[in-house]
Amino acid sequence: MRNAADPASEDQRFPGVPQWRANGNLRWRMAGRVNASVGWRYASRPNTDLDGAVRGDAFGFRTGYMLVDARVTWKPTDELEASIGVDNVNDDQAYVVSPLAQRTGYAHFRMRF
């Protein structure tokens, strides 16, 4: 709240901590053993330093981001599961000290025994 050594830092948010951050996930059963999900991750842009400066959209800084992820899962039996998905569907370029992965596709197979 008060800082006599650096008055510009008074009433500023702590560096690297966004004012708003939210995560969410919607899941639904499409048909029988097929499920789909859509998730999102949001963070507002944080301050860069104690004086409240907001700098950079590059390596070493933090940006705000809104990422959307999608996935479809098929369970043919209770023991087998296969899924495909895409992280960062909207291809948002974001930095959290280093670049976050941009659009990424994946396939997943799991067998329980």
PDB file of N, CA and C in Angstrom:
ATOM      1  N   MET A   1       0.820  -1.195   0.000  1.00  0.00           N
ATOM      2  CA  MET A   1       0.000   0.000   0.000  1.00  0.00           C
ATOM      3  C   MET A   1       0.863   1.257   0.000  1.00  0.00           C
ATOM      4  N   ARG A   2       1.909   1.297   0.844  1.00  0.00           N
ATOM      5  CA  ARG A   2       2.774   2.484   0.926  1.00  0.00           C
ATOM      6  C   ARG A   2       4.224   2.058   0.730  1.00  0.00           C
ATOM      7  N   ASN A   3       4.976   2.897   0.015  1.00  0.00           N
ATOM      8  CA  ASN A   3       6.382   2.619  -0.217  1.00  0.00           C
ATOM      9  C   ASN A   3       7.121   3.956  -0.364  1.00  0.00           C
ATOM     10  N   ALA A   4       7.672   4.437   0.737  1.00  0.00           N
ATOM     11  CA  ALA A   4       8.366   5.724   0.721  1.00  0.00           C
ATOM     12  C   ALA A   4       9.590   5.690  -0.193  1.00  0.00           C
ATOM     13  N   ALA A   5      10.228   4.555  -0.355  1.00  0.00           N
ATOM     14  CA  ALA A   5      11.415   4.446  -1.199  1.00  0.00           C
ATOM     15  C   ALA A   5      11.063   4.530  -2.689  1.00  0.00           C
ATOM     16  N   ASP A   6       9.848   4.127  -3.067  1.00  0.00           N
ATOM     17  CA  ASP A   6       9.428   4.159  -4.470  1.00  0.00           C
ATOM     18  C   ASP A   6       7.937   4.467  -4.524  1.00  0.00           C
ATOM     19  N   PRO A   7       7.545   5.754  -4.388  1.00  0.00           N
ATOM     20  CA  PRO A   7       6.122   6.105  -4.353  1.00  0.00           C
ATOM     21  C   PRO A   7       5.348   5.683  -5.603  1.00  0.00           C
ATOM     22  N   ALA A   8       6.012   5.551  -6.756  1.00  0.00           N
ATOM     23  CA  ALA A   8       5.315   5.140  -7.982  1.00  0.00           C
ATOM     24  C   ALA A   8       4.762   3.722  -7.876  1.00  0.00           C
ATOM     25  N   SER A   9       5.301   2.933  -6.967  1.00  0.00           N
ATOM     26  CA  SER A   9       4.847   1.551  -6.818  1.00  0.00           C
ATOM     27  C   SER A   9       3.608   1.420  -5.936  1.00  0.00           C
ATOM     28  N   GLU A  10       3.193   2.508  -5.307  1.00  0.00           N
ATOM     29  CA  GLU A  10       2.017   2.447  -4.426  1.00  0.00           C
ATOM     30  C   GLU A  10       0.756   2.185  -5.243  1.00  0.00           C
ATOM     31  N   ASP A  11      -0.115   1.360  -4.703  1.00  0.00           N
ATOM     32  CA  ASP A  11      -1.400   0.993  -5.319  1.00  0.00           C
ATOM     33  C   ASP A  11      -1.254   0.293  -6.671  1.00  0.00           C
ATOM     34  N   GLN A  12      -0.149  -0.386  -6.904  1.00  0.00           N
ATOM     35  CA  GLN A  12       0.064  -1.140  -8.140  1.00  0.00           C
ATOM     36  C   GLN A  12      -0.088  -2.633  -7.856  1.00  0.00           C
ATOM     37  N   ARG A  13      -0.550  -3.361  -8.877  1.00  0.00           N
ATOM     38  CA  ARG A  13      -0.614  -4.819  -8.754  1.00  0.00           C
ATOM     39  C   ARG A  13       0.794  -5.386  -8.762  1.00  0.00           C
ATOM     40  N   PHE A  14       0.976  -6.518  -8.108  1.00  0.00           N
ATOM     41  CA  PHE A  14       2.284  -7.170  -8.056  1.00  0.00           C
ATOM     42  C   PHE A  14       2.683  -7.625  -9.461  1.00  0.00           C
ATOM     43  N   PRO A  15       3.934  -7.467  -9.861  1.00  0.00           N
ATOM     44  CA  PRO A  15       4.367  -7.858 -11.216  1.00  0.00           C
ATOM     45  C   PRO A  15       4.112  -9.339 -11.512  1.00  0.00           C
ATOM     46  N   GLY A  16       3.662  -9.599 -12.723  1.00  0.00           N
ATOM     47  CA  GLY A  16       3.468 -10.970 -13.174  1.00  0.00           C
ATOM     48  C   GLY A  16       2.154 -11.596 -12.762  1.00  0.00           C
ATOM     49  N   VAL A  17       1.345 -10.899 -11.966  1.00  0.00           N
ATOM     50  CA  VAL A  17       0.063 -11.440 -11.522  1.00  0.00           C
ATOM     51  C   VAL A  17      -1.052 -10.699 -12.258  1.00  0.00           C
ATOM     52  N   PRO A  18      -1.812 -11.371 -13.121  1.00  0.00           N
ATOM     53  CA  PRO A  18      -2.867 -10.684 -13.870  1.00  0.00           C
ATOM     54  C   PRO A  18      -4.011 -10.246 -12.957  1.00  0.00           C
ATOM     55  N   GLN A  19      -4.695  -9.192 -13.371  1.00  0.00           N
ATOM     56  CA  GLN A  19      -5.851  -8.741 -12.600  1.00  0.00           C
ATOM     57  C   GLN A  19      -6.988  -9.757 -12.713  1.00  0.00           C
ATOM     58  N   TRP A  20      -7.172 -10.343 -13.887  1.00  0.00           N
ATOM     59  CA  TRP A  20      -8.209 -11.346 -14.118  1.00  0.00           C
ATOM     60  C   TRP A  20      -7.589 -12.605 -14.689  1.00  0.00           C
ATOM     61  N   ARG A  21      -8.050 -13.725 -14.197  1.00  0.00           N
ATOM     62  CA  ARG A  21      -7.648 -15.013 -14.747  1.00  0.00           C
ATOM     63  C   ARG A  21      -8.824 -15.965 -14.573  1.00  0.00           C
ATOM     64  N   ALA A  22      -9.108 -16.740 -15.622  1.00  0.00           N
ATOM     65  CA  ALA A  22     -10.233 -17.673 -15.562  1.00  0.00           C
ATOM     66  C   ALA A  22      -9.944 -18.885 -16.434  1.00  0.00           C
ATOM     67  N   ASN A  23     -10.442 -20.022 -16.024  1.00  0.00           N
ATOM     68  CA  ASN A  23     -10.359 -21.269 -16.780  1.00  0.00           C
ATOM     69  C   ASN A  23     -11.748 -21.882 -16.794  1.00  0.00           C
ATOM     70  N   GLY A  24     -12.068 -22.558 -17.850  1.00  0.00           N
ATOM     71  CA  GLY A  24     -13.364 -23.222 -17.911  1.00  0.00           C
ATOM     72  C   GLY A  24     -13.320 -24.418 -18.833  1.00  0.00           C
ATOM     73  N   ASN A  25     -14.338 -25.277 -18.705  1.00  0.00           N
ATOM     74  CA  ASN A  25     -14.384 -26.488 -19.495  1.00  0.00           C
ATOM     75  C   ASN A  25     -15.839 -26.902 -19.662  1.00  0.00           C
ATOM     76  N   LEU A  26     -16.231 -27.167 -20.886  1.00  0.00           N
ATOM     77  CA  LEU A  26     -17.560 -27.714 -21.173  1.00  0.00           C
ATOM     78  C   LEU A  26     -17.372 -29.108 -21.746  1.00  0.00           C
ATOM     79  N   ARG A  27     -18.115 -30.059 -21.201  1.00  0.00           N
ATOM     80  CA  ARG A  27     -18.025 -31.448 -21.671  1.00  0.00           C
ATOM     81  C   ARG A  27     -19.419 -31.962 -21.980  1.00  0.00           C
ATOM     82  N   TRP A  28     -19.509 -32.773 -23.021  1.00  0.00           N
ATOM     83  CA  TRP A  28     -20.789 -33.392 -23.301  1.00  0.00           C
ATOM     84  C   TRP A  28     -20.591 -34.738 -23.971  1.00  0.00           C
ATOM     85  N   ARG A  29     -21.563 -35.621 -23.715  1.00  0.00           N
ATOM     86  CA  ARG A  29     -21.556 -36.948 -24.329  1.00  0.00           C
ATOM     87  C   ARG A  29     -22.290 -36.837 -25.651  1.00  0.00           C
ATOM     88  N   MET A  30     -21.527 -37.024 -26.740  1.00  0.00           N
ATOM     89  CA  MET A  30     -22.112 -36.839 -28.064  1.00  0.00           C
ATOM     90  C   MET A  30     -23.006 -38.015 -28.446  1.00  0.00           C
ATOM     91  N   ALA A  31     -22.493 -39.226 -28.259  1.00  0.00           N
ATOM     92  CA  ALA A  31     -23.260 -40.427 -28.588  1.00  0.00           C
ATOM     93  C   ALA A  31     -22.591 -41.616 -27.931  1.00  0.00           C
ATOM     94  N   GLY A  32     -23.337 -42.329 -27.107  1.00  0.00           N
ATOM     95  CA  GLY A  32     -22.812 -43.534 -26.474  1.00  0.00           C
ATOM     96  C   GLY A  32     -21.473 -43.343 -25.787  1.00  0.00           C
ATOM     97  N   ARG A  33     -20.413 -43.849 -26.405  1.00  0.00           N
ATOM     98  CA  ARG A  33     -19.078 -43.810 -25.802  1.00  0.00           C
ATOM     99  C   ARG A  33     -18.181 -42.724 -26.401  1.00  0.00           C
ATOM    100  N   VAL A  34     -18.776 -41.719 -27.027  1.00  0.00           N
ATOM    101  CA  VAL A  34     -18.014 -40.604 -27.605  1.00  0.00           C
ATOM    102  C   VAL A  34     -18.298 -39.341 -26.800  1.00  0.00           C
ATOM    103  N   ASN A  35     -17.239 -38.739 -26.299  1.00  0.00           N
ATOM    104  CA  ASN A  35     -17.343 -37.509 -25.516  1.00  0.00           C
ATOM    105  C   ASN A  35     -16.549 -36.407 -26.193  1.00  0.00           C
ATOM    106  N   ALA A  36     -16.969 -35.180 -26.001  1.00  0.00           N
ATOM    107  CA  ALA A  36     -16.241 -34.029 -26.538  1.00  0.00           C
ATOM    108  C   ALA A  36     -16.099 -32.991 -25.433  1.00  0.00           C
ATOM    109  N   SER A  37     -15.063 -32.191 -25.535  1.00  0.00           N
ATOM    110  CA  SER A  37     -14.885 -31.115 -24.560  1.00  0.00           C
ATOM    111  C   SER A  37     -14.248 -29.907 -25.234  1.00  0.00           C
ATOM    112  N   VAL A  38     -14.582 -28.741 -24.711  1.00  0.00           N
ATOM    113  CA  VAL A  38     -13.993 -27.476 -25.124  1.00  0.00           C
ATOM    114  C   VAL A  38     -13.585 -26.764 -23.848  1.00  0.00           C
ATOM    115  N   GLY A  39     -12.357 -26.321 -23.816  1.00  0.00           N
ATOM    116  CA  GLY A  39     -11.864 -25.603 -22.643  1.00  0.00           C
ATOM    117  C   GLY A  39     -11.279 -24.269 -23.049  1.00  0.00           C
ATOM    118  N   TRP A  40     -11.209 -23.373 -22.089  1.00  0.00           N
ATOM    119  CA  TRP A  40     -10.588 -22.082 -22.362  1.00  0.00           C
ATOM    120  C   TRP A  40      -9.769 -21.639 -21.171  1.00  0.00           C
ATOM    121  N   ARG A  41      -8.745 -20.853 -21.478  1.00  0.00           N
ATOM    122  CA  ARG A  41      -7.857 -20.282 -20.460  1.00  0.00           C
ATOM    123  C   ARG A  41      -7.685 -18.811 -20.779  1.00  0.00           C
ATOM    124  N   TYR A  42      -7.941 -17.950 -19.798  1.00  0.00           N
ATOM    125  CA  TYR A  42      -7.846 -16.513 -20.010  1.00  0.00           C
ATOM    126  C   TYR A  42      -7.019 -15.889 -18.901  1.00  0.00           C
ATOM    127  N   ALA A  43      -6.195 -14.924 -19.249  1.00  0.00           N
ATOM    128  CA  ALA A  43      -5.485 -14.112 -18.259  1.00  0.00           C
ATOM    129  C   ALA A  43      -5.304 -12.715 -18.843  1.00  0.00           C
ATOM    130  N   SER A  44      -5.597 -11.696 -18.034  1.00  0.00           N
ATOM    131  CA  SER A  44      -5.346 -10.327 -18.482  1.00  0.00           C
ATOM    132  C   SER A  44      -3.845 -10.048 -18.413  1.00  0.00           C
ATOM    133  N   ARG A  45      -3.434  -8.994 -19.047  1.00  0.00           N
ATOM    134  CA  ARG A  45      -2.003  -8.683 -19.100  1.00  0.00           C
ATOM    135  C   ARG A  45      -1.528  -8.139 -17.749  1.00  0.00           C
ATOM    136  N   PRO A  46      -0.482  -8.724 -17.190  1.00  0.00           N
ATOM    137  CA  PRO A  46       0.012  -8.263 -15.884  1.00  0.00           C
ATOM    138  C   PRO A  46       1.007  -7.111 -16.006  1.00  0.00           C
ATOM    139  N   ASN A  47       1.251  -6.457 -14.894  1.00  0.00           N
ATOM    140  CA  ASN A  47       2.302  -5.441 -14.833  1.00  0.00           C
ATOM    141  C   ASN A  47       3.657  -6.103 -15.018  1.00  0.00           C
ATOM    142  N   THR A  48       4.610  -5.340 -15.569  1.00  0.00           N
ATOM    143  CA  THR A  48       5.956  -5.835 -15.781  1.00  0.00           C
ATOM    144  C   THR A  48       6.851  -5.567 -14.576  1.00  0.00           C
ATOM    145  N   ASP A  49       6.599  -4.457 -13.881  1.00  0.00           N
ATOM    146  CA  ASP A  49       7.438  -4.121 -12.723  1.00  0.00           C
ATOM    147  C   ASP A  49       6.598  -3.487 -11.622  1.00  0.00           C
ATOM    148  N   LEU A  50       7.213  -3.153 -10.504  1.00  0.00           N
ATOM    149  CA  LEU A  50       6.494  -2.609  -9.351  1.00  0.00           C
ATOM    150  C   LEU A  50       5.893  -1.237  -9.602  1.00  0.00           C
ATOM    151  N   ASP A  51       6.382  -0.516 -10.607  1.00  0.00           N
ATOM    152  CA  ASP A  51       5.865   0.818 -10.898  1.00  0.00           C
ATOM    153  C   ASP A  51       4.616   0.783 -11.774  1.00  0.00           C
ATOM    154  N   GLY A  52       4.166  -0.399 -12.143  1.00  0.00           N
ATOM    155  CA  GLY A  52       2.941  -0.539 -12.928  1.00  0.00           C
ATOM    156  C   GLY A  52       3.147  -0.487 -14.423  1.00  0.00           C
ATOM    157  N   ALA A  53       4.390  -0.535 -14.883  1.00  0.00           N
ATOM    158  CA  ALA A  53       4.651  -0.514 -16.321  1.00  0.00           C
ATOM    159  C   ALA A  53       4.217  -1.830 -16.961  1.00  0.00           C
ATOM    160  N   VAL A  54       3.698  -1.727 -18.163  1.00  0.00           N
ATOM    161  CA  VAL A  54       3.302  -2.901 -18.935  1.00  0.00           C
ATOM    162  C   VAL A  54       4.110  -2.848 -20.217  1.00  0.00           C
ATOM    163  N   ARG A  55       5.026  -3.803 -20.379  1.00  0.00           N
ATOM    164  CA  ARG A  55       5.941  -3.769 -21.526  1.00  0.00           C
ATOM    165  C   ARG A  55       5.966  -5.104 -22.252  1.00  0.00           C
ATOM    166  N   GLY A  56       6.242  -5.027 -23.545  1.00  0.00           N
ATOM    167  CA  GLY A  56       6.652  -6.183 -24.319  1.00  0.00           C
ATOM    168  C   GLY A  56       5.597  -7.189 -24.698  1.00  0.00           C
ATOM    169  N   ASP A  57       5.681  -7.615 -25.938  1.00  0.00           N
ATOM    170  CA  ASP A  57       4.957  -8.769 -26.454  1.00  0.00           C
ATOM    171  C   ASP A  57       6.005  -9.700 -27.020  1.00  0.00           C
ATOM    172  N   ALA A  58       6.980 -10.040 -26.193  1.00  0.00           N
ATOM    173  CA  ALA A  58       8.119 -10.813 -26.692  1.00  0.00           C
ATOM    174  C   ALA A  58       8.696 -11.663 -25.582  1.00  0.00           C
ATOM    175  N   PHE A  59       9.669 -12.488 -25.962  1.00  0.00           N
ATOM    176  CA  PHE A  59      10.356 -13.370 -25.020  1.00  0.00           C
ATOM    177  C   PHE A  59      10.825 -12.579 -23.790  1.00  0.00           C
ATOM    178  N   GLY A  60      10.554 -13.082 -22.617  1.00  0.00           N
ATOM    179  CA  GLY A  60      10.984 -12.437 -21.381  1.00  0.00           C
ATOM    180  C   GLY A  60       9.897 -11.631 -20.701  1.00  0.00           C
ATOM    181  N   PHE A  61       8.791 -11.361 -21.389  1.00  0.00           N
ATOM    182  CA  PHE A  61       7.690 -10.611 -20.803  1.00  0.00           C
ATOM    183  C   PHE A  61       6.455 -11.503 -20.705  1.00  0.00           C
ATOM    184  N   ARG A  62       5.409 -10.988 -20.095  1.00  0.00           N
ATOM    185  CA  ARG A  62       4.144 -11.710 -20.005  1.00  0.00           C
ATOM    186  C   ARG A  62       3.070 -10.930 -20.723  1.00  0.00           C
ATOM    187  N   THR A  63       2.255 -11.641 -21.465  1.00  0.00           N
ATOM    188  CA  THR A  63       1.150 -11.024 -22.176  1.00  0.00           C
ATOM    189  C   THR A  63      -0.157 -11.588 -21.637  1.00  0.00           C
ATOM    190  N   GLY A  64      -1.241 -10.928 -21.983  1.00  0.00           N
ATOM    191  CA  GLY A  64      -2.541 -11.515 -21.713  1.00  0.00           C
ATOM    192  C   GLY A  64      -2.805 -12.573 -22.763  1.00  0.00           C
ATOM    193  N   TYR A  65      -3.726 -13.480 -22.483  1.00  0.00           N
ATOM    194  CA  TYR A  65      -4.037 -14.515 -23.468  1.00  0.00           C
ATOM    195  C   TYR A  65      -5.443 -15.046 -23.279  1.00  0.00           C
ATOM    196  N   MET A  66      -5.980 -15.568 -24.379  1.00  0.00           N
ATOM    197  CA  MET A  66      -7.253 -16.280 -24.386  1.00  0.00           C
ATOM    198  C   MET A  66      -7.043 -17.495 -25.271  1.00  0.00           C
ATOM    199  N   LEU A  67      -6.917 -18.672 -24.659  1.00  0.00           N
ATOM    200  CA  LEU A  67      -6.640 -19.900 -25.389  1.00  0.00           C
ATOM    201  C   LEU A  67      -7.875 -20.803 -25.350  1.00  0.00           C
ATOM    202  N   VAL A  68      -8.181 -21.426 -26.481  1.00  0.00           N
ATOM    203  CA  VAL A  68      -9.314 -22.349 -26.583  1.00  0.00           C
ATOM    204  C   VAL A  68      -8.770 -23.717 -26.976  1.00  0.00           C
ATOM    205  N   ASP A  69      -9.189 -24.769 -26.256  1.00  0.00           N
ATOM    206  CA  ASP A  69      -8.747 -26.137 -26.511  1.00  0.00           C
ATOM    207  C   ASP A  69      -9.963 -27.009 -26.826  1.00  0.00           C
ATOM    208  N   ALA A  70      -9.808 -27.990 -27.694  1.00  0.00           N
ATOM    209  CA  ALA A  70     -10.907 -28.897 -28.054  1.00  0.00           C
ATOM    210  C   ALA A  70     -10.395 -30.328 -28.087  1.00  0.00           C
ATOM    211  N   ARG A  71     -11.283 -31.268 -27.734  1.00  0.00           N
ATOM    212  CA  ARG A  71     -10.885 -32.679 -27.675  1.00  0.00           C
ATOM    213  C   ARG A  71     -12.113 -33.567 -27.884  1.00  0.00           C
ATOM    214  N   VAL A  72     -11.899 -34.676 -28.609  1.00  0.00           N
ATOM    215  CA  VAL A  72     -12.938 -35.709 -28.774  1.00  0.00           C
ATOM    216  C   VAL A  72     -12.335 -37.028 -28.304  1.00  0.00           C
ATOM    217  N   THR A  73     -13.094 -37.749 -27.464  1.00  0.00           N
ATOM    218  CA  THR A  73     -12.626 -39.015 -26.883  1.00  0.00           C
ATOM    219  C   THR A  73     -13.613 -40.131 -27.214  1.00  0.00           C
ATOM    220  N   TRP A  74     -13.070 -41.277 -27.589  1.00  0.00           N
ATOM    221  CA  TRP A  74     -13.871 -42.470 -27.882  1.00  0.00           C
ATOM    222  C   TRP A  74     -13.400 -43.590 -26.987  1.00  0.00           C
ATOM    223  N   LYS A  75     -14.365 -44.238 -26.267  1.00  0.00           N
ATOM    224  CA  LYS A  75     -14.066 -45.392 -25.405  1.00  0.00           C
ATOM    225  C   LYS A  75     -14.820 -46.599 -25.944  1.00  0.00           C
ATOM    226  N   PRO A  76     -14.186 -47.384 -26.820  1.00  0.00           N
ATOM    227  CA  PRO A  76     -14.887 -48.550 -27.362  1.00  0.00           C
ATOM    228  C   PRO A  76     -15.201 -49.595 -26.294  1.00  0.00           C
ATOM    229  N   THR A  77     -14.323 -49.707 -25.283  1.00  0.00           N
ATOM    230  CA  THR A  77     -14.562 -50.604 -24.145  1.00  0.00           C
ATOM    231  C   THR A  77     -14.140 -49.855 -22.885  1.00  0.00           C
ATOM    232  N   ASP A  78     -14.380 -50.461 -21.725  1.00  0.00           N
ATOM    233  CA  ASP A  78     -13.962 -49.823 -20.475  1.00  0.00           C
ATOM    234  C   ASP A  78     -12.440 -49.773 -20.340  1.00  0.00           C
ATOM    235  N   GLU A  79     -11.740 -50.655 -21.072  1.00  0.00           N
ATOM    236  CA  GLU A  79     -10.280 -50.727 -20.966  1.00  0.00           C
ATOM    237  C   GLU A  79      -9.554 -49.864 -22.006  1.00  0.00           C
ATOM    238  N   LEU A  80     -10.198 -49.539 -23.114  1.00  0.00           N
ATOM    239  CA  LEU A  80      -9.547 -48.807 -24.201  1.00  0.00           C
ATOM    240  C   LEU A  80     -10.112 -47.390 -24.338  1.00  0.00           C
ATOM    241  N   GLU A  81      -9.232 -46.472 -24.668  1.00  0.00           N
ATOM    242  CA  GLU A  81      -9.643 -45.090 -24.879  1.00  0.00           C
ATOM    243  C   GLU A  81      -8.732 -44.444 -25.919  1.00  0.00           C
ATOM    244  N   ALA A  82      -9.300 -43.714 -26.852  1.00  0.00           N
ATOM    245  CA  ALA A  82      -8.531 -42.984 -27.861  1.00  0.00           C
ATOM    246  C   ALA A  82      -9.108 -41.580 -27.975  1.00  0.00           C
ATOM    247  N   SER A  83      -8.245 -40.608 -28.170  1.00  0.00           N
ATOM    248  CA  SER A  83      -8.727 -39.241 -28.314  1.00  0.00           C
ATOM    249  C   SER A  83      -7.837 -38.451 -29.254  1.00  0.00           C
ATOM    250  N   ILE A  84      -8.421 -37.429 -29.843  1.00  0.00           N
ATOM    251  CA  ILE A  84      -7.682 -36.464 -30.645  1.00  0.00           C
ATOM    252  C   ILE A  84      -8.095 -35.078 -30.170  1.00  0.00           C
ATOM    253  N   GLY A  85      -7.193 -34.130 -30.315  1.00  0.00           N
ATOM    254  CA  GLY A  85      -7.515 -32.791 -29.863  1.00  0.00           C
ATOM    255  C   GLY A  85      -6.590 -31.743 -30.421  1.00  0.00           C
ATOM    256  N   VAL A  86      -6.954 -30.510 -30.165  1.00  0.00           N
ATOM    257  CA  VAL A  86      -6.158 -29.358 -30.569  1.00  0.00           C
ATOM    258  C   VAL A  86      -6.127 -28.391 -29.394  1.00  0.00           C
ATOM    259  N   ASP A  87      -4.921 -28.020 -28.976  1.00  0.00           N
ATOM    260  CA  ASP A  87      -4.749 -26.975 -27.971  1.00  0.00           C
ATOM    261  C   ASP A  87      -4.500 -25.661 -28.690  1.00  0.00           C
ATOM    262  N   ASN A  88      -5.014 -24.583 -28.137  1.00  0.00           N
ATOM    263  CA  ASN A  88      -4.871 -23.242 -28.700  1.00  0.00           C
ATOM    264  C   ASN A  88      -5.444 -23.198 -30.117  1.00  0.00           C
ATOM    265  N   VAL A  89      -6.700 -23.601 -30.247  1.00  0.00           N
ATOM    266  CA  VAL A  89      -7.386 -23.634 -31.545  1.00  0.00           C
ATOM    267  C   VAL A  89      -7.322 -22.263 -32.219  1.00  0.00           C
ATOM    268  N   ASN A  90      -7.473 -21.207 -31.459  1.00  0.00           N
ATOM    269  CA  ASN A  90      -7.485 -19.848 -32.013  1.00  0.00           C
ATOM    270  C   ASN A  90      -6.083 -19.308 -32.315  1.00  0.00           C
ATOM    271  N   ASP A  91      -5.036 -20.098 -32.059  1.00  0.00           N
ATOM    272  CA  ASP A  91      -3.652 -19.769 -32.406  1.00  0.00           C
ATOM    273  C   ASP A  91      -3.201 -18.421 -31.814  1.00  0.00           C
ATOM    274  N   ASP A  92      -3.560 -18.174 -30.559  1.00  0.00           N
ATOM    275  CA  ASP A  92      -3.165 -16.952 -29.860  1.00  0.00           C
ATOM    276  C   ASP A  92      -1.679 -17.020 -29.532  1.00  0.00           C
ATOM    277  N   GLN A  93      -0.935 -15.983 -29.889  1.00  0.00           N
ATOM    278  CA  GLN A  93       0.492 -15.937 -29.583  1.00  0.00           C
ATOM    279  C   GLN A  93       0.649 -15.256 -28.233  1.00  0.00           C
ATOM    280  N   ALA A  94       1.065 -16.022 -27.239  1.00  0.00           N
ATOM    281  CA  ALA A  94       1.165 -15.502 -25.876  1.00  0.00           C
ATOM    282  C   ALA A  94       2.517 -15.838 -25.270  1.00  0.00           C
ATOM    283  N   TYR A  95       2.946 -15.007 -24.356  1.00  0.00           N
ATOM    284  CA  TYR A  95       4.221 -15.193 -23.673  1.00  0.00           C
ATOM    285  C   TYR A  95       3.986 -15.201 -22.173  1.00  0.00           C
ATOM    286  N   VAL A  96       4.537 -16.181 -21.503  1.00  0.00           N
ATOM    287  CA  VAL A  96       4.590 -16.222 -20.047  1.00  0.00           C
ATOM    288  C   VAL A  96       6.042 -16.563 -19.728  1.00  0.00           C
ATOM    289  N   VAL A  97       6.881 -15.551 -19.717  1.00  0.00           N
ATOM    290  CA  VAL A  97       8.338 -15.601 -19.627  1.00  0.00           C
ATOM    291  C   VAL A  97       8.922 -16.146 -20.932  1.00  0.00           C
ATOM    292  N   SER A  98       8.449 -17.293 -21.405  1.00  0.00           N
ATOM    293  CA  SER A  98       8.851 -17.818 -22.704  1.00  0.00           C
ATOM    294  C   SER A  98       7.568 -18.023 -23.518  1.00  0.00           C
ATOM    295  N   PRO A  99       7.670 -18.214 -24.819  1.00  0.00           N
ATOM    296  CA  PRO A  99       6.452 -18.376 -25.621  1.00  0.00           C
ATOM    297  C   PRO A  99       5.662 -19.623 -25.214  1.00  0.00           C
ATOM    298  N   LEU A 100       4.349 -19.458 -25.091  1.00  0.00           N
ATOM    299  CA  LEU A 100       3.472 -20.607 -24.897  1.00  0.00           C
ATOM    300  C   LEU A 100       3.312 -21.292 -26.255  1.00  0.00           C
ATOM    301  N   ALA A 101       3.040 -22.563 -26.223  1.00  0.00           N
ATOM    302  CA  ALA A 101       2.854 -23.301 -27.474  1.00  0.00           C
ATOM    303  C   ALA A 101       1.682 -22.709 -28.251  1.00  0.00           C
ATOM    304  N   GLN A 102       1.875 -22.538 -29.555  1.00  0.00           N
ATOM    305  CA  GLN A 102       0.774 -22.089 -30.378  1.00  0.00           C
ATOM    306  C   GLN A 102      -0.056 -23.311 -30.757  1.00  0.00           C
ATOM    307  N   ARG A 103      -0.872 -23.222 -31.786  1.00  0.00           N
ATOM    308  CA  ARG A 103      -1.791 -24.316 -32.106  1.00  0.00           C
ATOM    309  C   ARG A 103      -1.040 -25.641 -32.156  1.00  0.00           C
ATOM    310  N   THR A 104      -1.527 -26.634 -31.398  1.00  0.00           N
ATOM    311  CA  THR A 104      -0.875 -27.932 -31.291  1.00  0.00           C
ATOM    312  C   THR A 104      -1.919 -29.035 -31.383  1.00  0.00           C
ATOM    313  N   GLY A 105      -1.728 -29.974 -32.297  1.00  0.00           N
ATOM    314  CA  GLY A 105      -2.621 -31.119 -32.400  1.00  0.00           C
ATOM    315  C   GLY A 105      -2.002 -32.330 -31.732  1.00  0.00           C
ATOM    316  N   TYR A 106      -2.825 -33.233 -31.238  1.00  0.00           N
ATOM    317  CA  TYR A 106      -2.310 -34.430 -30.582  1.00  0.00           C
ATOM    318  C   TYR A 106      -3.297 -35.580 -30.716  1.00  0.00           C
ATOM    319  N   ALA A 107      -2.759 -36.776 -30.576  1.00  0.00           N
ATOM    320  CA  ALA A 107      -3.552 -38.005 -30.521  1.00  0.00           C
ATOM    321  C   ALA A 107      -3.119 -38.761 -29.275  1.00  0.00           C
ATOM    322  N   HIS A 108      -4.057 -39.444 -28.643  1.00  0.00           N
ATOM    323  CA  HIS A 108      -3.805 -40.098 -27.374  1.00  0.00           C
ATOM    324  C   HIS A 108      -4.472 -41.479 -27.394  1.00  0.00           C
ATOM    325  N   PHE A 109      -3.764 -42.467 -26.928  1.00  0.00           N
ATOM    326  CA  PHE A 109      -4.318 -43.824 -26.819  1.00  0.00           C
ATOM    327  C   PHE A 109      -3.978 -44.365 -25.427  1.00  0.00           C
ATOM    328  N   ARG A 110      -4.969 -44.930 -24.762  1.00  0.00           N
ATOM    329  CA  ARG A 110      -4.727 -45.483 -23.424  1.00  0.00           C
ATOM    330  C   ARG A 110      -5.423 -46.839 -23.302  1.00  0.00           C
ATOM    331  N   MET A 111      -4.699 -47.766 -22.639  1.00  0.00           N
ATOM    332  CA  MET A 111      -5.224 -49.096 -22.379  1.00  0.00           C
ATOM    333  C   MET A 111      -5.029 -49.413 -20.902  1.00  0.00           C
ATOM    334  N   ARG A 112      -6.106 -49.755 -20.250  1.00  0.00           N
ATOM    335  CA  ARG A 112      -6.052 -50.124 -18.826  1.00  0.00           C
ATOM    336  C   ARG A 112      -6.152 -51.637 -18.712  1.00  0.00           C
ATOM    337  N   PHE A 113      -5.344 -52.193 -17.805  1.00  0.00           N
ATOM    338  CA  PHE A 113      -5.428 -53.642 -17.563  1.00  0.00           C
ATOM    339  C   PHE A 113      -5.099 -53.952 -16.147  1.00  0.00           C
TER     340      PHE A 113
END
